[in-house]
């Protein structure tokens, strides 16, 4: 009888890191899925779910879109020492029309490009979901909180009555 393999706890597909504050702080418009240029140990660190996108943003540099200030820590378990910066700019892979759309929107409309999550697709490739975002005012944030509280109370009432 064959022994069952122990699960390693690594993410093969699904969300590896999420920017939960982005949808609260910004109104998200159009979203794009972009490829992410990574080195080997960064992929392992992402698969372990150790990345953070809380202060990350995307912007244009030399006609290409980069992900800035995303935290992907060093992979500690590896025997090969790979010295890379945890918050280094990482190139995003997009089509030329998408790059033109994003740079035009940030230059003209004053919106920003925010990463919403890093996930692995069905093929196991790391992708970043980025969105064109406009900042919310304080009263918009209060309205979001009130709507979220009302939806929670409404669900609680429906659950108790049903």
N, C-alpha and C. Protein backbone atom coordinates (compact mmCIF):
# COMPACT_ATOMS: atom_id res chain seq x y z
N UNK A 1 0.85 -1.18 0.00
CA UNK A 1 0.00 0.00 0.00
C UNK A 1 0.89 1.24 0.00
N UNK A 2 0.57 2.19 -0.85
CA UNK A 2 1.38 3.41 -0.97
C UNK A 2 1.05 4.37 0.16
N UNK A 3 2.07 5.07 0.63
CA UNK A 3 1.87 6.06 1.68
C UNK A 3 1.31 7.34 1.08
N UNK A 4 0.46 8.00 1.83
CA UNK A 4 -0.10 9.26 1.38
C UNK A 4 0.94 10.36 1.54
N UNK A 5 1.07 11.20 0.53
CA UNK A 5 2.03 12.29 0.60
C UNK A 5 1.51 13.39 1.52
N UNK A 6 2.41 13.96 2.27
CA UNK A 6 2.07 15.06 3.16
C UNK A 6 1.98 16.35 2.35
N UNK A 7 0.94 17.13 2.59
CA UNK A 7 0.79 18.40 1.90
C UNK A 7 1.79 19.40 2.44
N UNK A 8 2.37 20.19 1.55
CA UNK A 8 3.43 21.11 1.96
C UNK A 8 2.90 22.48 2.39
N UNK A 9 1.64 22.78 2.11
CA UNK A 9 1.09 24.07 2.49
C UNK A 9 1.38 25.17 1.49
N UNK A 10 1.92 24.82 0.34
CA UNK A 10 2.21 25.82 -0.70
C UNK A 10 0.99 26.00 -1.59
N UNK A 11 0.85 27.18 -2.14
CA UNK A 11 -0.29 27.51 -3.00
C UNK A 11 0.06 27.16 -4.43
N UNK A 12 -0.71 26.25 -5.04
CA UNK A 12 -0.45 25.91 -6.44
C UNK A 12 -1.31 26.74 -7.37
N UNK A 13 -2.52 27.07 -6.96
CA UNK A 13 -3.36 28.01 -7.69
C UNK A 13 -4.30 28.68 -6.68
N UNK A 14 -4.67 29.92 -6.98
CA UNK A 14 -5.48 30.69 -6.06
C UNK A 14 -4.73 31.95 -5.63
N UNK A 15 -5.31 32.66 -4.68
CA UNK A 15 -4.77 33.95 -4.26
C UNK A 15 -3.59 33.75 -3.31
N UNK A 16 -2.47 34.41 -3.64
CA UNK A 16 -1.28 34.35 -2.81
C UNK A 16 -1.18 35.56 -1.89
N UNK A 17 -1.59 36.73 -2.37
CA UNK A 17 -1.56 37.96 -1.56
C UNK A 17 -2.70 38.85 -2.03
N UNK A 18 -3.29 39.58 -1.12
CA UNK A 18 -4.43 40.42 -1.44
C UNK A 18 -4.28 41.79 -0.80
N UNK A 19 -4.68 42.83 -1.53
CA UNK A 19 -4.65 44.19 -1.01
C UNK A 19 -6.08 44.54 -0.60
N UNK A 20 -6.41 44.26 0.65
CA UNK A 20 -7.79 44.40 1.10
C UNK A 20 -8.19 45.86 1.29
N UNK A 21 -7.23 46.72 1.60
CA UNK A 21 -7.56 48.13 1.81
C UNK A 21 -7.80 48.89 0.52
N UNK A 22 -7.38 48.33 -0.61
CA UNK A 22 -7.50 49.04 -1.88
C UNK A 22 -8.96 49.33 -2.22
N UNK A 23 -9.83 48.36 -2.03
CA UNK A 23 -11.25 48.56 -2.36
C UNK A 23 -11.93 49.50 -1.38
N UNK A 24 -11.36 49.66 -0.18
CA UNK A 24 -11.91 50.61 0.78
C UNK A 24 -11.42 52.02 0.50
N UNK A 25 -10.15 52.18 0.16
CA UNK A 25 -9.57 53.50 -0.04
C UNK A 25 -9.80 54.07 -1.43
N UNK A 26 -10.09 53.22 -2.41
CA UNK A 26 -10.21 53.68 -3.80
C UNK A 26 -11.49 53.17 -4.44
N UNK A 27 -11.97 53.92 -5.43
CA UNK A 27 -13.01 53.44 -6.34
C UNK A 27 -12.28 52.77 -7.48
N UNK A 28 -12.50 51.47 -7.64
CA UNK A 28 -11.79 50.71 -8.66
C UNK A 28 -12.59 50.74 -9.95
N UNK A 29 -11.92 51.14 -11.02
CA UNK A 29 -12.55 51.17 -12.34
C UNK A 29 -12.21 49.91 -13.11
N UNK A 30 -11.58 50.07 -14.25
CA UNK A 30 -11.22 48.95 -15.09
C UNK A 30 -10.06 48.16 -14.48
N UNK A 31 -10.12 46.84 -14.59
CA UNK A 31 -9.06 46.00 -14.04
C UNK A 31 -8.37 45.23 -15.17
N UNK A 32 -7.10 44.92 -14.95
CA UNK A 32 -6.29 44.17 -15.90
C UNK A 32 -5.57 43.05 -15.15
N UNK A 33 -5.36 41.94 -15.84
CA UNK A 33 -4.54 40.87 -15.28
C UNK A 33 -3.20 40.92 -15.98
N UNK A 34 -2.13 41.06 -15.20
CA UNK A 34 -0.79 41.20 -15.76
C UNK A 34 0.10 40.08 -15.27
N UNK A 35 1.05 39.70 -16.12
CA UNK A 35 2.07 38.76 -15.70
C UNK A 35 3.08 39.47 -14.82
N UNK A 36 3.85 38.73 -14.08
CA UNK A 36 4.78 39.29 -13.12
C UNK A 36 6.15 38.65 -13.32
N UNK A 37 7.19 39.47 -13.51
CA UNK A 37 8.55 38.95 -13.70
C UNK A 37 9.16 38.74 -12.32
N UNK A 38 9.45 37.48 -12.00
CA UNK A 38 9.98 37.10 -10.70
C UNK A 38 11.22 36.24 -10.88
N UNK A 39 12.04 36.16 -9.83
CA UNK A 39 13.15 35.21 -9.80
C UNK A 39 12.68 33.99 -8.98
N UNK A 40 13.38 32.89 -9.08
CA UNK A 40 12.96 31.63 -8.48
C UNK A 40 12.56 31.66 -7.02
N UNK A 41 13.40 32.19 -6.12
CA UNK A 41 13.02 32.20 -4.71
C UNK A 41 11.78 33.05 -4.41
N UNK A 42 11.53 34.07 -5.24
CA UNK A 42 10.34 34.90 -5.04
C UNK A 42 9.08 34.09 -5.29
N UNK A 43 9.11 33.21 -6.27
CA UNK A 43 7.95 32.37 -6.57
C UNK A 43 7.66 31.45 -5.39
N UNK A 44 8.70 30.86 -4.81
CA UNK A 44 8.51 29.98 -3.66
C UNK A 44 7.94 30.75 -2.48
N UNK A 45 8.42 31.97 -2.29
CA UNK A 45 7.92 32.79 -1.20
C UNK A 45 6.45 33.16 -1.42
N UNK A 46 6.09 33.43 -2.68
CA UNK A 46 4.69 33.71 -3.00
C UNK A 46 3.82 32.48 -2.76
N UNK A 47 4.32 31.31 -3.18
CA UNK A 47 3.55 30.08 -2.98
C UNK A 47 3.33 29.79 -1.49
N UNK A 48 4.22 30.26 -0.65
CA UNK A 48 4.05 30.09 0.80
C UNK A 48 3.07 31.12 1.36
N UNK A 49 2.63 32.09 0.53
CA UNK A 49 1.65 33.08 0.97
C UNK A 49 2.23 34.15 1.87
N UNK A 50 3.48 34.51 1.66
CA UNK A 50 4.15 35.44 2.57
C UNK A 50 4.25 36.85 2.01
N UNK A 51 3.63 37.16 0.90
CA UNK A 51 3.76 38.49 0.28
C UNK A 51 2.74 39.46 0.89
N UNK A 52 3.03 40.76 0.72
CA UNK A 52 2.13 41.81 1.20
C UNK A 52 2.03 42.91 0.14
N UNK A 53 0.80 43.36 -0.10
CA UNK A 53 0.55 44.41 -1.10
C UNK A 53 -0.02 45.68 -0.49
N UNK A 54 0.05 45.84 0.81
CA UNK A 54 -0.66 46.94 1.46
C UNK A 54 -0.18 48.32 1.01
N UNK A 55 1.10 48.50 0.75
CA UNK A 55 1.61 49.80 0.34
C UNK A 55 2.04 49.82 -1.13
N UNK A 56 1.67 48.81 -1.88
CA UNK A 56 2.16 48.69 -3.25
C UNK A 56 1.34 49.55 -4.22
N UNK A 57 2.00 49.91 -5.31
CA UNK A 57 1.36 50.65 -6.39
C UNK A 57 2.08 50.33 -7.69
N UNK A 58 1.44 50.61 -8.79
CA UNK A 58 2.04 50.35 -10.09
C UNK A 58 2.19 51.66 -10.83
N UNK A 59 3.26 51.77 -11.59
CA UNK A 59 3.51 52.99 -12.33
C UNK A 59 4.37 52.73 -13.55
N UNK A 60 4.54 53.79 -14.34
CA UNK A 60 5.25 53.69 -15.60
C UNK A 60 6.71 54.09 -15.41
N UNK A 61 7.61 53.30 -16.02
CA UNK A 61 9.03 53.63 -16.03
C UNK A 61 9.59 53.14 -17.37
N UNK A 62 10.16 54.06 -18.12
CA UNK A 62 10.77 53.74 -19.43
C UNK A 62 9.77 53.08 -20.39
N UNK A 63 8.53 53.51 -20.36
CA UNK A 63 7.53 52.98 -21.27
C UNK A 63 6.96 51.64 -20.87
N UNK A 64 7.28 51.14 -19.69
CA UNK A 64 6.77 49.87 -19.20
C UNK A 64 6.15 50.08 -17.83
N UNK A 65 5.29 49.17 -17.44
CA UNK A 65 4.61 49.26 -16.15
C UNK A 65 5.34 48.37 -15.14
N UNK A 66 5.62 48.94 -13.97
CA UNK A 66 6.31 48.22 -12.90
C UNK A 66 5.45 48.23 -11.64
N UNK A 67 5.62 47.20 -10.83
CA UNK A 67 4.98 47.11 -9.52
C UNK A 67 6.00 47.57 -8.48
N UNK A 68 5.67 48.65 -7.78
CA UNK A 68 6.58 49.23 -6.80
C UNK A 68 6.11 48.92 -5.39
N UNK A 69 7.07 48.75 -4.49
CA UNK A 69 6.85 48.63 -3.05
C UNK A 69 6.03 47.40 -2.63
N UNK A 70 5.97 46.38 -3.47
CA UNK A 70 5.32 45.12 -3.07
C UNK A 70 6.34 44.31 -2.28
N UNK A 71 5.93 43.79 -1.15
CA UNK A 71 6.84 43.07 -0.28
C UNK A 71 6.74 41.57 -0.53
N UNK A 72 7.81 41.00 -1.08
CA UNK A 72 7.94 39.56 -1.24
C UNK A 72 9.24 39.18 -0.55
N UNK A 73 9.17 38.56 0.64
CA UNK A 73 10.39 38.31 1.42
C UNK A 73 11.26 37.22 0.80
N UNK A 74 12.50 37.15 1.28
CA UNK A 74 13.42 36.12 0.82
C UNK A 74 12.93 34.75 1.25
N UNK A 75 13.20 33.76 0.43
CA UNK A 75 12.87 32.37 0.75
C UNK A 75 13.97 31.84 1.65
N UNK A 76 13.64 31.55 2.90
CA UNK A 76 14.64 31.17 3.89
C UNK A 76 15.06 29.72 3.81
N UNK A 77 14.21 28.85 3.27
CA UNK A 77 14.48 27.41 3.31
C UNK A 77 15.45 26.96 2.23
N UNK A 78 15.74 27.80 1.27
CA UNK A 78 16.59 27.39 0.16
C UNK A 78 18.06 27.33 0.55
N UNK A 79 18.78 26.47 -0.15
CA UNK A 79 20.21 26.36 0.11
C UNK A 79 20.99 27.35 -0.74
N UNK A 80 20.41 27.76 -1.85
CA UNK A 80 21.07 28.74 -2.71
C UNK A 80 20.78 30.13 -2.16
N UNK A 81 21.82 30.89 -1.94
CA UNK A 81 21.65 32.23 -1.41
C UNK A 81 21.35 33.17 -2.57
N UNK A 82 20.14 33.68 -2.60
CA UNK A 82 19.75 34.62 -3.64
C UNK A 82 19.50 35.97 -2.97
N UNK A 83 20.39 36.89 -3.17
CA UNK A 83 20.26 38.19 -2.53
C UNK A 83 19.43 39.10 -3.44
N UNK A 84 18.19 39.27 -3.09
CA UNK A 84 17.36 40.21 -3.82
C UNK A 84 16.65 41.10 -2.82
N UNK A 85 16.28 42.23 -3.28
CA UNK A 85 15.61 43.23 -2.44
C UNK A 85 14.13 42.85 -2.30
N UNK A 86 13.59 42.73 -1.09
CA UNK A 86 12.18 42.34 -0.92
C UNK A 86 11.19 43.35 -1.51
N UNK A 87 11.57 44.61 -1.60
CA UNK A 87 10.66 45.64 -2.13
C UNK A 87 11.14 46.21 -3.46
N UNK A 88 11.86 45.44 -4.23
CA UNK A 88 12.38 45.93 -5.50
C UNK A 88 11.24 46.11 -6.52
N UNK A 89 11.41 47.01 -7.50
CA UNK A 89 10.39 47.14 -8.56
C UNK A 89 10.37 45.88 -9.41
N UNK A 90 9.16 45.39 -9.69
CA UNK A 90 9.00 44.19 -10.50
C UNK A 90 8.21 44.53 -11.75
N UNK A 91 8.72 44.10 -12.89
CA UNK A 91 8.10 44.42 -14.17
C UNK A 91 6.80 43.65 -14.34
N UNK A 92 5.77 44.35 -14.85
CA UNK A 92 4.49 43.72 -15.16
C UNK A 92 4.41 43.51 -16.67
N UNK A 93 3.90 42.37 -17.07
CA UNK A 93 3.80 42.02 -18.48
C UNK A 93 2.39 42.30 -18.96
N UNK A 94 2.26 43.30 -19.83
CA UNK A 94 0.97 43.72 -20.37
C UNK A 94 1.09 43.92 -21.87
N UNK A 95 -0.05 43.94 -22.55
CA UNK A 95 -0.08 44.27 -23.97
C UNK A 95 0.15 45.77 -24.14
N UNK A 96 0.61 46.18 -25.32
CA UNK A 96 0.92 47.60 -25.57
C UNK A 96 -0.30 48.49 -25.40
N UNK A 97 -1.47 48.00 -25.82
CA UNK A 97 -2.70 48.80 -25.67
C UNK A 97 -3.05 49.00 -24.20
N UNK A 98 -2.83 47.96 -23.40
CA UNK A 98 -3.10 48.07 -21.97
C UNK A 98 -2.14 49.04 -21.31
N UNK A 99 -0.87 49.01 -21.71
CA UNK A 99 0.12 49.95 -21.17
C UNK A 99 -0.27 51.37 -21.54
N UNK A 100 -0.69 51.57 -22.78
CA UNK A 100 -1.11 52.90 -23.22
C UNK A 100 -2.34 53.38 -22.45
N UNK A 101 -3.28 52.49 -22.20
CA UNK A 101 -4.48 52.84 -21.43
C UNK A 101 -4.11 53.27 -20.02
N UNK A 102 -3.24 52.49 -19.37
CA UNK A 102 -2.87 52.79 -17.99
C UNK A 102 -2.06 54.08 -17.88
N UNK A 103 -1.10 54.28 -18.76
CA UNK A 103 -0.29 55.50 -18.68
C UNK A 103 -1.12 56.72 -19.04
N UNK A 104 -2.02 56.59 -20.02
CA UNK A 104 -2.88 57.71 -20.37
C UNK A 104 -3.82 58.10 -19.25
N UNK A 105 -4.37 57.10 -18.57
CA UNK A 105 -5.29 57.37 -17.47
C UNK A 105 -4.58 58.04 -16.30
N UNK A 106 -3.38 57.59 -16.00
CA UNK A 106 -2.67 58.18 -14.87
C UNK A 106 -2.19 59.59 -15.20
N UNK A 107 -1.83 59.85 -16.45
CA UNK A 107 -1.36 61.18 -16.82
C UNK A 107 -2.50 62.17 -16.95
N UNK A 108 -3.59 61.77 -17.60
CA UNK A 108 -4.69 62.68 -17.86
C UNK A 108 -5.64 62.84 -16.69
N UNK A 109 -6.17 61.74 -16.22
CA UNK A 109 -7.27 61.79 -15.26
C UNK A 109 -6.82 61.90 -13.81
N UNK A 110 -5.54 61.71 -13.56
CA UNK A 110 -5.06 61.80 -12.19
C UNK A 110 -5.40 60.57 -11.36
N UNK A 111 -5.74 59.48 -12.01
CA UNK A 111 -6.01 58.26 -11.26
C UNK A 111 -4.69 57.51 -11.04
N UNK A 112 -4.74 56.50 -10.21
CA UNK A 112 -3.55 55.71 -9.91
C UNK A 112 -3.81 54.25 -10.25
N UNK A 113 -2.77 53.48 -10.37
CA UNK A 113 -2.88 52.06 -10.66
C UNK A 113 -2.52 51.29 -9.39
N UNK A 114 -3.46 50.50 -8.90
CA UNK A 114 -3.31 49.82 -7.62
C UNK A 114 -3.37 48.31 -7.84
N UNK A 115 -2.44 47.54 -7.26
CA UNK A 115 -2.56 46.08 -7.34
C UNK A 115 -3.63 45.59 -6.37
N UNK A 116 -4.52 44.74 -6.84
CA UNK A 116 -5.60 44.23 -6.01
C UNK A 116 -5.24 42.88 -5.39
N UNK A 117 -4.59 42.02 -6.18
CA UNK A 117 -4.13 40.76 -5.62
C UNK A 117 -3.05 40.14 -6.51
N UNK A 118 -2.31 39.22 -5.93
CA UNK A 118 -1.39 38.37 -6.68
C UNK A 118 -1.95 36.96 -6.54
N UNK A 119 -2.14 36.30 -7.68
CA UNK A 119 -2.70 34.96 -7.66
C UNK A 119 -1.98 34.07 -8.66
N UNK A 120 -2.19 32.79 -8.51
CA UNK A 120 -1.68 31.80 -9.45
C UNK A 120 -2.85 31.30 -10.28
N UNK A 121 -2.69 31.33 -11.60
CA UNK A 121 -3.77 30.85 -12.47
C UNK A 121 -3.79 29.33 -12.50
N UNK A 122 -4.64 28.76 -13.37
CA UNK A 122 -4.78 27.31 -13.43
C UNK A 122 -3.49 26.62 -13.84
N UNK A 123 -2.66 27.31 -14.62
CA UNK A 123 -1.40 26.74 -15.07
C UNK A 123 -0.28 26.92 -14.05
N UNK A 124 -0.55 27.59 -12.94
CA UNK A 124 0.45 27.79 -11.90
C UNK A 124 1.34 28.99 -12.13
N UNK A 125 0.92 29.93 -12.98
CA UNK A 125 1.72 31.11 -13.30
C UNK A 125 1.24 32.27 -12.43
N UNK A 126 2.18 33.02 -11.86
CA UNK A 126 1.85 34.16 -10.99
C UNK A 126 1.32 35.32 -11.83
N UNK A 127 0.18 35.85 -11.45
CA UNK A 127 -0.45 36.98 -12.12
C UNK A 127 -0.81 38.03 -11.08
N UNK A 128 -0.86 39.29 -11.54
CA UNK A 128 -1.26 40.40 -10.67
C UNK A 128 -2.52 41.00 -11.25
N UNK A 129 -3.53 41.19 -10.42
CA UNK A 129 -4.74 41.88 -10.83
C UNK A 129 -4.57 43.34 -10.43
N UNK A 130 -4.49 44.23 -11.43
CA UNK A 130 -4.32 45.66 -11.15
C UNK A 130 -5.56 46.39 -11.60
N UNK A 131 -5.85 47.48 -10.95
CA UNK A 131 -7.03 48.26 -11.30
C UNK A 131 -6.73 49.74 -11.35
N UNK A 132 -7.42 50.44 -12.26
CA UNK A 132 -7.32 51.90 -12.31
C UNK A 132 -8.23 52.42 -11.20
N UNK A 133 -7.66 53.23 -10.32
CA UNK A 133 -8.37 53.62 -9.12
C UNK A 133 -8.35 55.13 -8.94
N UNK A 134 -9.43 55.64 -8.34
CA UNK A 134 -9.52 57.04 -7.94
C UNK A 134 -9.75 57.05 -6.44
N UNK A 135 -9.09 57.95 -5.74
CA UNK A 135 -9.20 58.00 -4.29
C UNK A 135 -10.59 58.38 -3.83
N UNK A 136 -11.03 57.77 -2.73
CA UNK A 136 -12.32 58.09 -2.14
C UNK A 136 -12.15 59.22 -1.13
N UNK A 137 -13.17 60.02 -1.00
CA UNK A 137 -13.21 61.05 0.03
C UNK A 137 -13.64 60.41 1.35
N UNK A 138 -13.51 61.14 2.43
CA UNK A 138 -13.84 60.61 3.75
C UNK A 138 -15.33 60.24 3.85
N UNK A 139 -16.21 61.05 3.25
CA UNK A 139 -17.65 60.74 3.33
C UNK A 139 -17.99 59.51 2.51
N UNK A 140 -17.25 59.24 1.44
CA UNK A 140 -17.45 58.02 0.66
C UNK A 140 -17.06 56.79 1.48
N UNK A 141 -15.99 56.92 2.26
CA UNK A 141 -15.56 55.81 3.10
C UNK A 141 -16.60 55.53 4.18
N UNK A 142 -17.18 56.60 4.74
CA UNK A 142 -18.22 56.42 5.76
C UNK A 142 -19.44 55.72 5.16
N UNK A 143 -19.79 56.09 3.94
CA UNK A 143 -20.93 55.44 3.27
C UNK A 143 -20.63 53.96 3.02
N UNK A 144 -19.40 53.63 2.67
CA UNK A 144 -19.02 52.24 2.46
C UNK A 144 -19.15 51.45 3.76
N UNK A 145 -18.71 52.04 4.87
CA UNK A 145 -18.82 51.37 6.17
C UNK A 145 -20.28 51.17 6.54
N UNK A 146 -21.12 52.19 6.32
CA UNK A 146 -22.54 52.09 6.66
C UNK A 146 -23.22 51.01 5.81
N UNK A 147 -22.89 50.95 4.54
CA UNK A 147 -23.49 49.94 3.67
C UNK A 147 -23.05 48.53 4.07
N UNK A 148 -21.79 48.37 4.42
CA UNK A 148 -21.29 47.07 4.86
C UNK A 148 -21.98 46.63 6.15
N UNK A 149 -22.15 47.58 7.10
CA UNK A 149 -22.84 47.25 8.36
C UNK A 149 -24.29 46.88 8.12
N UNK A 150 -24.96 47.61 7.22
CA UNK A 150 -26.36 47.31 6.92
C UNK A 150 -26.50 45.93 6.27
N UNK A 151 -25.61 45.61 5.35
CA UNK A 151 -25.66 44.29 4.72
C UNK A 151 -25.43 43.18 5.73
N UNK A 152 -24.54 43.40 6.68
CA UNK A 152 -24.29 42.41 7.73
C UNK A 152 -25.52 42.24 8.61
N UNK A 153 -26.15 43.37 9.01
CA UNK A 153 -27.36 43.29 9.83
C UNK A 153 -28.51 42.64 9.07
N UNK A 154 -28.63 42.96 7.79
CA UNK A 154 -29.69 42.39 6.96
C UNK A 154 -29.51 40.87 6.85
N UNK A 155 -28.29 40.42 6.64
CA UNK A 155 -28.03 38.99 6.57
C UNK A 155 -28.33 38.31 7.90
N UNK A 156 -28.01 38.98 9.00
CA UNK A 156 -28.29 38.43 10.33
C UNK A 156 -29.79 38.31 10.56
N UNK A 157 -30.57 39.32 10.14
CA UNK A 157 -32.02 39.28 10.30
C UNK A 157 -32.63 38.17 9.46
N UNK A 158 -32.18 38.05 8.22
CA UNK A 158 -32.72 37.01 7.35
C UNK A 158 -32.38 35.61 7.87
N UNK A 159 -31.20 35.47 8.43
CA UNK A 159 -30.80 34.17 8.97
C UNK A 159 -31.64 33.80 10.18
N UNK A 160 -31.91 34.79 11.06
CA UNK A 160 -32.67 34.53 12.27
C UNK A 160 -34.14 34.25 11.97
N UNK A 161 -34.72 34.94 10.96
CA UNK A 161 -36.12 34.72 10.61
C UNK A 161 -36.33 33.41 9.86
N UNK A 162 -35.34 33.05 9.04
CA UNK A 162 -35.49 31.87 8.17
C UNK A 162 -35.22 30.64 8.91
